[in-house]
C-alpha atoms as a PDB file:
ATOM      1  CA  VAL A   1       0.000   0.000   0.000  1.00  0.00           C
ATOM      2  CA  PHE A   2       1.439   3.384  -1.022  1.00  0.00           C
ATOM      3  CA  SER A   3       1.019   6.464   1.120  1.00  0.00           C
ATOM      4  CA  LEU A   4       1.251  10.061  -0.024  1.00  0.00           C
ATOM      5  CA  TYR A   5       3.201  11.213   3.026  1.00  0.00           C
ATOM      6  CA  GLY A   6       5.036   7.971   3.748  1.00  0.00           C
ATOM      7  CA  GLY A   7       6.330   6.974   7.154  1.00  0.00           C
ATOM      8  CA  PHE A   8       8.835   4.801   8.906  1.00  0.00           C
ATOM      9  CA  PHE A   9       6.381   2.050   9.784  1.00  0.00           C
ATOM     10  CA  PRO A  10       3.513   0.654   7.697  1.00  0.00           C
ATOM     11  CA  GLU A  11      -0.018   0.717   9.021  1.00  0.00           C
ATOM     12  CA  GLU A  12      -0.417  -2.958   8.227  1.00  0.00           C
ATOM     13  CA  TYR A  13       2.221  -5.680   7.922  1.00  0.00           C
ATOM     14  CA  ALA A  14       1.704  -8.123   5.048  1.00  0.00           C
ATOM     15  CA  TRP A  15       3.667 -11.104   6.329  1.00  0.00           C
ATOM     16  CA  SER A  16       2.140 -13.276   3.616  1.00  0.00           C
ATOM     17  CA  ASN A  17       4.526 -11.707   1.098  1.00  0.00           C
ATOM     18  CA  TYR A  18       7.416 -13.746   2.455  1.00  0.00           C
ATOM     19  CA  PRO A  19       5.987 -17.210   1.707  1.00  0.00           C
ATOM     20  CA  ASN A  20       4.494 -15.863  -1.523  1.00  0.00           C
ATOM     21  CA  VAL A  21       7.993 -15.024  -2.782  1.00  0.00           C
ATOM     22  CA  PHE A  22       8.835 -18.724  -2.792  1.00  0.00           C
ATOM     23  CA  LYS A  23       5.592 -19.493  -4.649  1.00  0.00           C
ATOM     24  CA  ARG A  24       6.048 -16.738  -7.223  1.00  0.00           C
ATOM     25  CA  MET A  25       9.506 -17.855  -8.365  1.00  0.00           C
ATOM     26  CA  PRO A  26      12.165 -20.526  -7.649  1.00  0.00           C
ATOM     27  CA  PHE A  27      13.681 -18.396  -4.909  1.00  0.00           C
ATOM     28  CA  MET A  28      15.779 -21.192  -3.398  1.00  0.00           C
ATOM     29  CA  LYS A  29      17.292 -22.057  -6.785  1.00  0.00           C
ATOM     30  CA  TYR A  30      18.232 -18.432  -7.394  1.00  0.00           C
ATOM     31  CA  THR A  31      19.663 -18.204  -3.885  1.00  0.00           C
ATOM     32  CA  PHE A  32      21.728 -21.347  -4.417  1.00  0.00           C
ATOM     33  CA  ASN A  33      23.156 -19.940  -7.638  1.00  0.00           C
ATOM     34  CA  SER A  34      24.047 -16.670  -5.910  1.00  0.00           C
ATOM     35  CA  VAL A  35      25.659 -18.471  -2.971  1.00  0.00           C
ATOM     36  CA  LYS A  36      27.614 -20.725  -5.326  1.00  0.00           C
ATOM     37  CA  LEU A  37      28.957 -17.872  -7.449  1.00  0.00           C
ATOM     38  CA  THR A  38      29.655 -15.621  -4.474  1.00  0.00           C
ATOM     39  CA  ILE A  39      31.637 -18.220  -2.540  1.00  0.00           C
ATOM     40  CA  ILE A  40      33.696 -19.319  -5.549  1.00  0.00           C
ATOM     41  CA  VAL A  41      34.490 -15.779  -6.694  1.00  0.00           C
ATOM     42  CA  THR A  42      35.291 -14.619  -3.159  1.00  0.00           C
ATOM     43  CA  ILE A  43      37.754 -17.475  -2.633  1.00  0.00           C
ATOM     44  CA  LEU A  44      39.391 -16.859  -6.017  1.00  0.00           C
ATOM     45  CA  GLN A  45      39.724 -13.131  -5.376  1.00  0.00           C
ATOM     46  CA  LEU A  46      41.249 -13.743  -1.964  1.00  0.00           C
ATOM     47  CA  VAL A  47      43.807 -16.151  -3.418  1.00  0.00           C
ATOM     48  CA  THR A  48      44.746 -14.042  -6.445  1.00  0.00           C
ATOM     49  CA  SER A  49      44.752 -10.734  -4.575  1.00  0.00           C
ATOM     50  CA  THR A  50      46.814 -11.860  -1.588  1.00  0.00           C
ATOM     51  CA  PHE A  51      49.276 -13.737  -3.790  1.00  0.00           C
ATOM     52  CA  ALA A  52      49.791 -10.855  -6.218  1.00  0.00           C
ATOM     53  CA  ALA A  53      49.944  -8.334  -3.363  1.00  0.00           C
ATOM     54  CA  TYR A  54      52.771 -10.299  -1.753  1.00  0.00           C
ATOM     55  CA  GLY A  55      54.792 -10.124  -4.956  1.00  0.00           C
ATOM     56  CA  PHE A  56      54.227  -6.390  -5.353  1.00  0.00           C
ATOM     57  CA  ALA A  57      54.945  -5.634  -1.679  1.00  0.00           C
ATOM     58  CA  LYS A  58      57.809  -7.919  -0.657  1.00  0.00           C
ATOM     59  CA  LEU A  59      59.558  -9.145  -3.806  1.00  0.00           C
ATOM     60  CA  GLN A  60      62.040  -7.163  -5.851  1.00  0.00           C
ATOM     61  CA  PHE A  61      61.905  -7.524  -9.639  1.00  0.00           C
ATOM     62  CA  PRO A  62      62.435  -5.158 -12.593  1.00  0.00           C
ATOM     63  CA  GLY A  63      59.458  -2.936 -13.380  1.00  0.00           C
ATOM     64  CA  ARG A  64      57.589  -3.831 -10.193  1.00  0.00           C
ATOM     65  CA  ASN A  65      56.272  -0.360  -9.441  1.00  0.00           C
ATOM     66  CA  THR A  66      55.426   0.373 -13.080  1.00  0.00           C
ATOM     67  CA  LEU A  67      53.530  -2.895 -13.444  1.00  0.00           C
ATOM     68  CA  PHE A  68      51.648  -2.269 -10.221  1.00  0.00           C
ATOM     69  CA  LEU A  69      50.738   1.249 -11.322  1.00  0.00           C
ATOM     70  CA  CYS A  70      49.417  -0.012 -14.660  1.00  0.00           C
ATOM     71  CA  TYR A  71      47.427  -2.721 -12.910  1.00  0.00           C
ATOM     72  CA  VAL A  72      45.886  -0.324 -10.404  1.00  0.00           C
ATOM     73  CA  CYS A  73      45.025   2.149 -13.162  1.00  0.00           C
ATOM     74  CA  THR A  74      42.603  -0.416 -14.596  1.00  0.00           C
ATOM     75  CA  ILE A  75      40.308   0.455 -11.671  1.00  0.00           C
ATOM     76  CA  ALA A  76      39.607   3.773 -13.403  1.00  0.00           C
ATOM     77  CA  VAL A  77      38.514   2.066 -16.645  1.00  0.00           C
ATOM     78  CA  PRO A  78      34.699   1.677 -16.698  1.00  0.00           C
ATOM     79  CA  TRP A  79      33.473  -1.833 -17.381  1.00  0.00           C
ATOM     80  CA  GLN A  80      31.131  -0.480 -20.052  1.00  0.00           C
ATOM     81  CA  THR A  81      34.102   0.457 -22.265  1.00  0.00           C
ATOM     82  CA  TYR A  82      35.203  -3.165 -22.753  1.00  0.00           C
ATOM     83  CA  MET A  83      31.919  -4.936 -22.042  1.00  0.00           C
ATOM     84  CA  VAL A  84      31.156  -5.716 -25.704  1.00  0.00           C
ATOM     85  CA  PRO A  85      34.581  -7.132 -26.694  1.00  0.00           C
ATOM     86  CA  GLN A  86      34.656  -9.088 -23.458  1.00  0.00           C
ATOM     87  CA  TYR A  87      31.274 -10.635 -24.281  1.00  0.00           C
ATOM     88  CA  THR A  88      32.507 -11.451 -27.788  1.00  0.00           C
ATOM     89  CA  LEU A  89      35.572 -13.188 -26.355  1.00  0.00           C
ATOM     90  CA  PHE A  90      33.504 -15.213 -23.900  1.00  0.00           C
ATOM     91  CA  ARG A  91      31.116 -16.206 -26.671  1.00  0.00           C
ATOM     92  CA  MET A  92      34.049 -17.440 -28.764  1.00  0.00           C
ATOM     93  CA  LEU A  93      35.217 -19.465 -25.769  1.00  0.00           C
ATOM     94  CA  GLY A  94      31.743 -20.973 -25.449  1.00  0.00           C
ATOM     95  CA  ILE A  95      31.186 -19.998 -21.826  1.00  0.00           C
ATOM     96  CA  VAL A  96      28.279 -17.598 -22.328  1.00  0.00           C
ATOM     97  CA  ASN A  97      25.178 -18.858 -20.517  1.00  0.00           C
ATOM     98  CA  THR A  98      27.301 -20.690 -17.967  1.00  0.00           C
ATOM     99  CA  HIS A  99      28.442 -19.775 -14.489  1.00  0.00           C
ATOM    100  CA  TRP A 100      32.039 -19.913 -15.722  1.00  0.00           C
ATOM    101  CA  ALA A 101      31.515 -16.548 -17.402  1.00  0.00           C
ATOM    102  CA  ILE A 102      30.761 -14.845 -14.077  1.00  0.00           C
ATOM    103  CA  ILE A 103      33.531 -16.713 -12.259  1.00  0.00           C
ATOM    104  CA  ILE A 104      36.239 -15.815 -14.783  1.00  0.00           C
ATOM    105  CA  LEU A 105      34.904 -12.275 -15.104  1.00  0.00           C
ATOM    106  CA  GLN A 106      35.352 -11.536 -11.400  1.00  0.00           C
ATOM    107  CA  ALA A 107      38.164 -13.861 -10.337  1.00  0.00           C
ATOM    108  CA  PHE A 108      40.723 -11.031 -10.377  1.00  0.00           C
ATOM    109  CA  THR A 109      40.467  -7.561  -8.883  1.00  0.00           C
ATOM    110  CA  ALA A 110      42.939  -4.688  -8.978  1.00  0.00           C
ATOM    111  CA  PHE A 111      41.222  -3.125  -5.980  1.00  0.00           C
ATOM    112  CA  GLY A 112      41.851  -6.252  -3.911  1.00  0.00           C
ATOM    113  CA  VAL A 113      45.533  -6.300  -4.850  1.00  0.00           C
ATOM    114  CA  PHE A 114      45.849  -2.628  -3.933  1.00  0.00           C
ATOM    115  CA  LEU A 115      44.079  -3.114  -0.593  1.00  0.00           C
ATOM    116  CA  ILE A 116      46.145  -6.124   0.479  1.00  0.00           C
ATOM    117  CA  ARG A 117      49.403  -4.628  -0.774  1.00  0.00           C
ATOM    118  CA  GLN A 118      48.892  -1.522   1.343  1.00  0.00           C
ATOM    119  CA  PHE A 119      48.518  -3.756   4.385  1.00  0.00           C
ATOM    120  CA  TYR A 120      51.543  -5.885   3.446  1.00  0.00           C
ATOM    121  CA  MET A 121      53.682  -2.750   3.141  1.00  0.00           C
ATOM    122  CA  GLY A 122      53.093  -2.127   6.829  1.00  0.00           C
ATOM    123  CA  ILE A 123      54.485  -5.537   7.810  1.00  0.00           C
ATOM    124  CA  PRO A 124      58.237  -5.272   8.552  1.00  0.00           C
ATOM    125  CA  SER A 125      60.357  -6.745   5.775  1.00  0.00           C
ATOM    126  CA  GLU A 126      62.742  -8.023   8.458  1.00  0.00           C
ATOM    127  CA  LEU A 127      60.254 -10.818   9.155  1.00  0.00           C
ATOM    128  CA  CYS A 128      60.555 -12.018   5.572  1.00  0.00           C
ATOM    129  CA  GLU A 129      64.340 -11.706   5.598  1.00  0.00           C
ATOM    130  CA  ALA A 130      64.602 -13.704   8.807  1.00  0.00           C
ATOM    131  CA  ALA A 131      62.353 -16.393   7.344  1.00  0.00           C
ATOM    132  CA  ARG A 132      64.499 -16.586   4.192  1.00  0.00           C
ATOM    133  CA  ILE A 133      67.630 -16.976   6.326  1.00  0.00           C
ATOM    134  CA  ASP A 134      65.932 -19.842   8.152  1.00  0.00           C
ATOM    135  CA  GLY A 135      65.340 -21.538   4.803  1.00  0.00           C
ATOM    136  CA  LEU A 136      61.654 -20.767   4.326  1.00  0.00           C
ATOM    137  CA  SER A 137      60.600 -20.439   0.691  1.00  0.00           C
ATOM    138  CA  GLU A 138      58.616 -17.516  -0.683  1.00  0.00           C
ATOM    139  CA  TYR A 139      55.498 -19.693  -0.700  1.00  0.00           C
ATOM    140  CA  GLY A 140      56.140 -20.563   2.925  1.00  0.00           C
ATOM    141  CA  ILE A 141      56.543 -16.906   3.867  1.00  0.00           C
ATOM    142  CA  TYR A 142      53.290 -16.100   2.096  1.00  0.00           C
ATOM    143  CA  LEU A 143      51.362 -18.904   3.802  1.00  0.00           C
ATOM    144  CA  LYS A 144      52.907 -18.906   7.273  1.00  0.00           C
ATOM    145  CA  ILE A 145      53.730 -15.252   7.866  1.00  0.00           C
ATOM    146  CA  MET A 146      51.898 -12.857   5.563  1.00  0.00           C
ATOM    147  CA  LEU A 147      48.462 -14.448   5.513  1.00  0.00           C
ATOM    148  CA  PRO A 148      48.155 -14.938   9.309  1.00  0.00           C
ATOM    149  CA  LEU A 149      49.206 -11.319   9.883  1.00  0.00           C
ATOM    150  CA  SER A 150      46.787  -9.921   7.313  1.00  0.00           C
ATOM    151  CA  LYS A 151      43.488 -11.156   8.747  1.00  0.00           C
ATOM    152  CA  PRO A 152      41.981  -7.633   9.007  1.00  0.00           C
ATOM    153  CA  ALA A 153      42.742  -6.839   5.364  1.00  0.00           C
ATOM    154  CA  VAL A 154      41.541 -10.253   4.202  1.00  0.00           C
ATOM    155  CA  ALA A 155      38.312  -9.846   6.163  1.00  0.00           C
ATOM    156  CA  THR A 156      37.781  -6.415   4.620  1.00  0.00           C
ATOM    157  CA  LEU A 157      38.297  -7.766   1.107  1.00  0.00           C
ATOM    158  CA  THR A 158      35.988 -10.690   1.894  1.00  0.00           C
ATOM    159  CA  ILE A 159      33.140  -8.371   2.831  1.00  0.00           C
ATOM    160  CA  PHE A 160      33.680  -6.110  -0.173  1.00  0.00           C
ATOM    161  CA  THR A 161      33.881  -9.032  -2.589  1.00  0.00           C
ATOM    162  CA  PHE A 162      30.964 -10.934  -1.087  1.00  0.00           C
ATOM    163  CA  THR A 163      28.727  -7.865  -1.214  1.00  0.00           C
ATOM    164  CA  SER A 164      29.786  -6.919  -4.735  1.00  0.00           C
ATOM    165  CA  VAL A 165      29.254 -10.375  -6.233  1.00  0.00           C
ATOM    166  CA  TRP A 166      26.036 -11.005  -4.315  1.00  0.00           C
ATOM    167  CA  ASN A 167      24.511  -7.713  -5.486  1.00  0.00           C
ATOM    168  CA  ASP A 168      25.858  -7.915  -9.034  1.00  0.00           C
ATOM    169  CA  PHE A 169      23.118  -7.445 -11.614  1.00  0.00           C
ATOM    170  CA  MET A 170      24.716  -6.459 -14.914  1.00  0.00           C
ATOM    171  CA  GLY A 171      27.049  -9.451 -15.188  1.00  0.00           C
ATOM    172  CA  PRO A 172      24.389 -12.146 -14.651  1.00  0.00           C
ATOM    173  CA  MET A 173      21.904 -10.248 -16.822  1.00  0.00           C
ATOM    174  CA  ILE A 174      24.340 -10.228 -19.754  1.00  0.00           C
ATOM    175  CA  TYR A 175      25.789 -13.728 -19.470  1.00  0.00           C
ATOM    176  CA  LEU A 176      23.063 -15.847 -17.819  1.00  0.00           C
ATOM    177  CA  HIS A 177      19.967 -16.430 -19.937  1.00  0.00           C
ATOM    178  CA  LYS A 178      18.707 -19.804 -18.745  1.00  0.00           C
ATOM    179  CA  ASP A 179      16.283 -19.612 -15.866  1.00  0.00           C
ATOM    180  CA  ASP A 180      18.026 -22.325 -13.844  1.00  0.00           C
ATOM    181  CA  LEU A 181      21.292 -20.327 -13.957  1.00  0.00           C
ATOM    182  CA  LYS A 182      19.931 -16.974 -12.799  1.00  0.00           C
ATOM    183  CA  THR A 183      20.907 -15.345  -9.523  1.00  0.00           C
ATOM    184  CA  ILE A 184      18.704 -13.859  -6.834  1.00  0.00           C
ATOM    185  CA  GLN A 185      19.099 -10.345  -8.258  1.00  0.00           C
ATOM    186  CA  LEU A 186      17.714 -11.444 -11.612  1.00  0.00           C
ATOM    187  CA  GLY A 187      14.923 -13.239  -9.786  1.00  0.00           C
ATOM    188  CA  LEU A 188      13.923 -10.053  -7.999  1.00  0.00           C
ATOM    189  CA  ARG A 189      14.034  -8.199 -11.309  1.00  0.00           C
ATOM    190  CA  SER A 190      11.392 -10.584 -12.674  1.00  0.00           C
ATOM    191  CA  LEU A 191       8.910  -9.091 -10.189  1.00  0.00           C
ATOM    192  CA  ILE A 192       9.102  -5.752 -12.031  1.00  0.00           C
ATOM    193  CA  GLY A 193       6.918  -5.814 -15.128  1.00  0.00           C
ATOM    194  CA  GLU A 194       6.418  -3.386 -17.990  1.00  0.00           C
ATOM    195  CA  TYR A 195       2.997  -2.273 -16.814  1.00  0.00           C
ATOM    196  CA  SER A 196       2.876  -3.361 -13.193  1.00  0.00           C
ATOM    197  CA  SER A 197       5.224  -4.352 -10.402  1.00  0.00           C
ATOM    198  CA  GLU A 198       4.678  -6.540  -7.371  1.00  0.00           C
ATOM    199  CA  TYR A 199       6.268  -4.215  -4.842  1.00  0.00           C
ATOM    200  CA  GLY A 200       5.184  -6.234  -1.825  1.00  0.00           C
ATOM    201  CA  LEU A 201       6.919  -9.362  -3.077  1.00  0.00           C
ATOM    202  CA  LEU A 202       9.876  -7.314  -4.278  1.00  0.00           C
ATOM    203  CA  MET A 203      10.449  -5.751  -0.858  1.00  0.00           C
ATOM    204  CA  ALA A 204      10.033  -9.103   0.893  1.00  0.00           C
ATOM    205  CA  GLY A 205      12.506 -10.730  -1.485  1.00  0.00           C
ATOM    206  CA  SER A 206      14.957  -7.864  -0.989  1.00  0.00           C
ATOM    207  CA  VAL A 207      14.840  -8.332   2.782  1.00  0.00           C
ATOM    208  CA  LEU A 208      15.543 -12.043   2.388  1.00  0.00           C
ATOM    209  CA  ALA A 209      18.393 -11.278  -0.021  1.00  0.00           C
ATOM    210  CA  LEU A 210      20.023  -9.042   2.608  1.00  0.00           C
ATOM    211  CA  VAL A 211      20.264 -11.820   5.199  1.00  0.00           C
ATOM    212  CA  PRO A 212      23.483 -13.510   3.897  1.00  0.00           C
ATOM    213  CA  VAL A 213      25.309 -10.169   3.569  1.00  0.00           C
ATOM    214  CA  PHE A 214      24.211  -9.193   7.063  1.00  0.00           C
ATOM    215  CA  ILE A 215      25.464 -12.487   8.500  1.00  0.00           C
ATOM    216  CA  VAL A 216      28.851 -12.174   6.787  1.00  0.00           C
ATOM    217  CA  PHE A 217      29.282  -8.622   8.043  1.00  0.00           C
ATOM    218  CA  LEU A 218      28.386  -9.600  11.612  1.00  0.00           C
ATOM    219  CA  CYS A 219      30.941 -12.410  11.544  1.00  0.00           C
ATOM    220  CA  LEU A 220      33.745 -10.229  10.161  1.00  0.00           C
ATOM    221  CA  GLN A 221      32.900  -6.758  11.438  1.00  0.00           C
ATOM    222  CA  ARG A 222      35.699  -6.703  14.032  1.00  0.00           C
ATOM    223  CA  PHE A 223      38.354  -7.471  11.418  1.00  0.00           C
ATOM    224  CA  PHE A 224      36.592  -5.207   8.891  1.00  0.00           C
ATOM    225  CA  ILE A 225      36.840  -2.122  11.109  1.00  0.00           C
ATOM    226  CA  GLU A 226      40.469  -2.860  11.920  1.00  0.00           C
ATOM    227  CA  GLY A 227      41.289  -3.413   8.253  1.00  0.00           C
ATOM    228  CA  ILE A 228      39.695  -0.160   7.162  1.00  0.00           C
ATOM    229  CA  ALA A 229      41.615   1.719   9.867  1.00  0.00           C
ATOM    230  CA  THR A 230      44.994   0.311   8.874  1.00  0.00           C
ATOM    231  CA  SER A 231      45.055  -0.746   5.200  1.00  0.00           C
ATOM    232  CA  GLY A 232      44.791   2.749   3.810  1.00  0.00           C
ATOM    233  CA  LEU A 233      47.354   4.274   6.168  1.00  0.00           C
ATOM    234  CA  LYS A 234      50.310   1.932   6.053  1.00  0.00           C
ATOM    235  CA  GLY A 235      52.750   1.879   3.188  1.00  0.00           C
END
């Protein structure tokens, strides 16, 4: 029910909208697809970002700073500028209309590398040097020293990535056409028609879609706040 003057609380609560969401569309299937894509992409971004950030922060090689600058500059390039050639490439690879398109599309992030690298720069290099003297390999330093010390930054990137992938609409809309592959955001979009929209079901579905993000934030909020306070200041 719409009101001219609005208000913080409705005059009548329509709790029936919540079960009706599951009747109106395959909500659980869409949720499963979103959970699947979000978990896979989040794990991949954590692995690629932390690994690349270690190389840019603690390893010395020719052109390191230039390469990092070029990589970070890709953040400023809008996705819309290369969206069409990217779709053409994925179509040639035969992964359009599969979840692989979304996974490959978001498996790497320059923002994640920048965030983790800034945190790594604040970790004393003497720790790495001492580990090398003791015979620990670069992979060992990354796994046993850098990752355990970077929990706040990793938690921050986890929340950012989880929220971004979970709420992503354009990517699934472009690459996922089959109904059994769609995510929860595309499912909610189906409630908006050309001539009418089911706002009650849409709001109920939106509330349900917020639950996973809320749970993740509650679990990682302590590390998230610490990571925000330190990642942008060190280095």
